[in-house]
């Protein structure tokens, strides 16, 4: 939800860069999920920078896949 992103404890990070696997994942997600796209446009750039949005998204995603003993890039490559 938008509130999850708005309330996420993070500090500004101008060095955050997406990996090639993350870029591929973002592109597919934005193209295929209308509800996710609406969430993103609701938050960016009014509330969050695009970089902050994706940093939070991938932090949340990473927390969910750690239990599967996968590295984030391995997970992303397996999903696209």
N, C-alpha and C. Protein backbone atom coordinates (compact mmCIF):
# COMPACT_ATOMS: atom_id res chain seq x y z
N UNK A 1 0.83 -1.19 0.00
CA UNK A 1 0.00 0.00 0.00
C UNK A 1 0.87 1.24 0.00
N UNK A 2 0.28 2.35 -0.35
CA UNK A 2 1.00 3.63 -0.36
C UNK A 2 1.54 3.94 1.02
N UNK A 3 0.78 3.61 2.05
CA UNK A 3 1.23 3.90 3.42
C UNK A 3 2.49 3.12 3.78
N UNK A 4 2.62 1.89 3.29
CA UNK A 4 3.82 1.10 3.54
C UNK A 4 5.04 1.84 3.01
N UNK A 5 4.92 2.39 1.82
CA UNK A 5 6.04 3.12 1.23
C UNK A 5 6.29 4.45 1.95
N UNK A 6 5.21 5.16 2.26
CA UNK A 6 5.35 6.46 2.92
C UNK A 6 5.97 6.34 4.29
N UNK A 7 5.66 5.28 5.01
CA UNK A 7 6.12 5.11 6.38
C UNK A 7 7.39 4.27 6.50
N UNK A 8 7.94 3.86 5.38
CA UNK A 8 9.12 2.99 5.41
C UNK A 8 10.32 3.76 5.95
N UNK A 9 11.01 3.21 6.95
CA UNK A 9 12.17 3.91 7.52
C UNK A 9 13.38 3.82 6.60
N UNK A 10 13.66 4.88 5.92
CA UNK A 10 14.80 4.90 5.01
C UNK A 10 15.42 6.28 5.01
N UNK A 11 16.68 6.33 4.64
CA UNK A 11 17.36 7.61 4.52
C UNK A 11 17.64 7.86 3.05
N UNK A 12 17.73 9.12 2.67
CA UNK A 12 18.01 9.41 1.26
C UNK A 12 19.32 8.74 0.82
N UNK A 13 19.29 8.15 -0.34
CA UNK A 13 20.47 7.46 -0.87
C UNK A 13 20.59 7.78 -2.35
N UNK A 14 21.44 8.72 -2.65
CA UNK A 14 21.61 9.12 -4.05
C UNK A 14 22.49 8.15 -4.82
N UNK A 15 22.99 7.12 -4.15
CA UNK A 15 23.87 6.17 -4.82
C UNK A 15 23.15 4.89 -5.23
N UNK A 16 21.86 4.77 -4.90
CA UNK A 16 21.13 3.55 -5.24
C UNK A 16 21.00 3.43 -6.76
N UNK A 17 21.46 2.31 -7.28
CA UNK A 17 21.37 2.01 -8.71
C UNK A 17 20.78 0.62 -8.88
N UNK A 18 19.87 0.50 -9.82
CA UNK A 18 19.27 -0.79 -10.12
C UNK A 18 20.25 -1.67 -10.87
N UNK A 19 20.25 -2.95 -10.55
CA UNK A 19 21.04 -3.92 -11.30
C UNK A 19 20.31 -4.22 -12.61
N UNK A 20 20.98 -4.81 -13.58
CA UNK A 20 20.27 -5.19 -14.81
C UNK A 20 19.06 -6.10 -14.56
N UNK A 21 19.17 -7.02 -13.62
CA UNK A 21 18.04 -7.89 -13.29
C UNK A 21 16.89 -7.09 -12.69
N UNK A 22 17.21 -6.12 -11.87
CA UNK A 22 16.18 -5.28 -11.28
C UNK A 22 15.48 -4.43 -12.34
N UNK A 23 16.26 -3.89 -13.28
CA UNK A 23 15.67 -3.09 -14.36
C UNK A 23 14.69 -3.94 -15.16
N UNK A 24 15.08 -5.17 -15.47
CA UNK A 24 14.21 -6.08 -16.22
C UNK A 24 12.93 -6.36 -15.43
N UNK A 25 13.09 -6.59 -14.13
CA UNK A 25 11.94 -6.85 -13.26
C UNK A 25 11.01 -5.63 -13.20
N UNK A 26 11.58 -4.45 -13.01
CA UNK A 26 10.79 -3.21 -12.95
C UNK A 26 10.00 -3.00 -14.23
N UNK A 27 10.65 -3.18 -15.34
CA UNK A 27 10.01 -2.99 -16.64
C UNK A 27 8.82 -3.94 -16.80
N UNK A 28 9.03 -5.20 -16.49
CA UNK A 28 7.96 -6.19 -16.60
C UNK A 28 6.82 -5.86 -15.64
N UNK A 29 7.16 -5.48 -14.42
CA UNK A 29 6.14 -5.18 -13.42
C UNK A 29 5.30 -3.98 -13.84
N UNK A 30 5.95 -2.93 -14.30
CA UNK A 30 5.24 -1.72 -14.72
C UNK A 30 4.36 -2.00 -15.94
N UNK A 31 4.84 -2.83 -16.84
CA UNK A 31 4.07 -3.16 -18.04
C UNK A 31 2.88 -4.06 -17.76
N UNK A 32 3.00 -4.93 -16.75
CA UNK A 32 1.98 -5.95 -16.54
C UNK A 32 1.01 -5.69 -15.40
N UNK A 33 1.32 -4.77 -14.50
CA UNK A 33 0.47 -4.58 -13.34
C UNK A 33 -0.07 -3.16 -13.27
N UNK A 34 -1.33 -3.01 -13.65
CA UNK A 34 -1.95 -1.70 -13.63
C UNK A 34 -2.05 -1.15 -12.20
N UNK A 35 -2.38 -2.00 -11.25
CA UNK A 35 -2.51 -1.53 -9.86
C UNK A 35 -1.15 -1.09 -9.29
N UNK A 36 -0.09 -1.80 -9.63
CA UNK A 36 1.24 -1.41 -9.17
C UNK A 36 1.63 -0.08 -9.82
N UNK A 37 1.34 0.06 -11.08
CA UNK A 37 1.63 1.30 -11.80
C UNK A 37 0.91 2.48 -11.16
N UNK A 38 -0.34 2.30 -10.77
CA UNK A 38 -1.10 3.35 -10.11
C UNK A 38 -0.45 3.73 -8.78
N UNK A 39 -0.02 2.73 -8.03
CA UNK A 39 0.66 2.98 -6.76
C UNK A 39 1.92 3.81 -6.99
N UNK A 40 2.71 3.39 -7.95
CA UNK A 40 3.96 4.10 -8.24
C UNK A 40 3.69 5.55 -8.62
N UNK A 41 2.73 5.79 -9.49
CA UNK A 41 2.46 7.16 -9.92
C UNK A 41 1.77 7.98 -8.83
N UNK A 42 1.14 7.32 -7.89
CA UNK A 42 0.56 8.02 -6.75
C UNK A 42 1.68 8.58 -5.86
N UNK A 43 2.78 7.85 -5.78
CA UNK A 43 3.87 8.22 -4.86
C UNK A 43 4.99 9.02 -5.52
N UNK A 44 5.25 8.77 -6.79
CA UNK A 44 6.40 9.40 -7.46
C UNK A 44 5.93 10.46 -8.45
N UNK A 45 6.51 11.60 -8.46
CA UNK A 45 7.58 12.11 -7.61
C UNK A 45 7.07 12.95 -6.44
N UNK A 46 5.75 12.98 -6.24
CA UNK A 46 5.18 13.85 -5.20
C UNK A 46 5.68 13.49 -3.80
N UNK A 47 5.71 12.22 -3.46
CA UNK A 47 6.08 11.79 -2.11
C UNK A 47 7.48 11.20 -2.05
N UNK A 48 7.83 10.42 -3.06
CA UNK A 48 9.13 9.74 -3.11
C UNK A 48 9.80 9.98 -4.45
N UNK A 49 11.11 9.97 -4.44
CA UNK A 49 11.81 9.95 -5.73
C UNK A 49 11.63 8.55 -6.31
N UNK A 50 11.85 8.43 -7.60
CA UNK A 50 11.76 7.13 -8.24
C UNK A 50 12.78 6.17 -7.62
N UNK A 51 13.98 6.66 -7.37
CA UNK A 51 15.03 5.82 -6.77
C UNK A 51 14.62 5.33 -5.38
N UNK A 52 14.03 6.23 -4.57
CA UNK A 52 13.60 5.84 -3.23
C UNK A 52 12.48 4.80 -3.31
N UNK A 53 11.55 4.98 -4.25
CA UNK A 53 10.46 4.02 -4.43
C UNK A 53 11.01 2.63 -4.71
N UNK A 54 11.93 2.53 -5.68
CA UNK A 54 12.47 1.22 -6.06
C UNK A 54 13.36 0.64 -4.96
N UNK A 55 14.07 1.49 -4.25
CA UNK A 55 14.89 1.00 -3.14
C UNK A 55 14.00 0.35 -2.09
N UNK A 56 12.90 1.01 -1.73
CA UNK A 56 11.97 0.45 -0.75
C UNK A 56 11.35 -0.84 -1.29
N UNK A 57 10.91 -0.81 -2.55
CA UNK A 57 10.30 -2.00 -3.14
C UNK A 57 11.26 -3.20 -3.07
N UNK A 58 12.50 -3.00 -3.49
CA UNK A 58 13.44 -4.13 -3.50
C UNK A 58 13.88 -4.53 -2.10
N UNK A 59 13.86 -3.61 -1.15
CA UNK A 59 14.14 -3.97 0.24
C UNK A 59 13.02 -4.87 0.75
N UNK A 60 11.78 -4.48 0.50
CA UNK A 60 10.65 -5.31 0.92
C UNK A 60 10.67 -6.67 0.22
N UNK A 61 10.96 -6.68 -1.06
CA UNK A 61 11.03 -7.93 -1.80
C UNK A 61 12.15 -8.83 -1.26
N UNK A 62 13.30 -8.24 -1.01
CA UNK A 62 14.43 -9.01 -0.48
C UNK A 62 14.09 -9.65 0.85
N UNK A 63 13.41 -8.89 1.70
CA UNK A 63 13.02 -9.44 3.00
C UNK A 63 12.10 -10.65 2.84
N UNK A 64 11.31 -10.67 1.77
CA UNK A 64 10.39 -11.78 1.55
C UNK A 64 11.04 -12.99 0.92
N UNK A 65 12.13 -12.81 0.21
CA UNK A 65 12.74 -13.97 -0.46
C UNK A 65 13.93 -14.56 0.30
N UNK A 66 14.38 -13.88 1.34
CA UNK A 66 15.50 -14.40 2.12
C UNK A 66 15.19 -15.79 2.65
N UNK A 67 13.95 -16.01 3.02
CA UNK A 67 13.57 -17.31 3.57
C UNK A 67 13.74 -18.43 2.54
N UNK A 68 13.82 -18.10 1.26
CA UNK A 68 14.03 -19.10 0.22
C UNK A 68 15.50 -19.31 -0.11
N UNK A 69 16.38 -18.66 0.64
CA UNK A 69 17.83 -18.78 0.44
C UNK A 69 18.26 -18.42 -0.97
N UNK A 70 17.58 -17.46 -1.57
CA UNK A 70 17.95 -17.00 -2.89
C UNK A 70 18.58 -15.61 -2.79
N UNK A 71 19.45 -15.33 -3.70
CA UNK A 71 19.96 -13.98 -3.85
C UNK A 71 18.94 -13.22 -4.69
N UNK A 72 18.79 -11.93 -4.44
CA UNK A 72 17.78 -11.14 -5.13
C UNK A 72 17.88 -11.28 -6.65
N UNK A 73 19.06 -11.16 -7.21
CA UNK A 73 19.20 -11.25 -8.66
C UNK A 73 18.80 -12.62 -9.19
N UNK A 74 19.12 -13.68 -8.44
CA UNK A 74 18.71 -15.03 -8.85
C UNK A 74 17.18 -15.13 -8.88
N UNK A 75 16.54 -14.58 -7.85
CA UNK A 75 15.08 -14.59 -7.79
C UNK A 75 14.49 -13.82 -8.97
N UNK A 76 15.01 -12.63 -9.22
CA UNK A 76 14.47 -11.80 -10.29
C UNK A 76 14.64 -12.48 -11.63
N UNK A 77 15.80 -13.08 -11.87
CA UNK A 77 16.04 -13.77 -13.14
C UNK A 77 15.08 -14.95 -13.32
N UNK A 78 14.71 -15.57 -12.23
CA UNK A 78 13.82 -16.73 -12.33
C UNK A 78 12.36 -16.31 -12.55
N UNK A 79 12.03 -15.04 -12.31
CA UNK A 79 10.65 -14.58 -12.40
C UNK A 79 10.31 -13.91 -13.71
N UNK A 80 11.29 -13.49 -14.49
CA UNK A 80 10.98 -12.75 -15.73
C UNK A 80 10.92 -13.68 -16.90
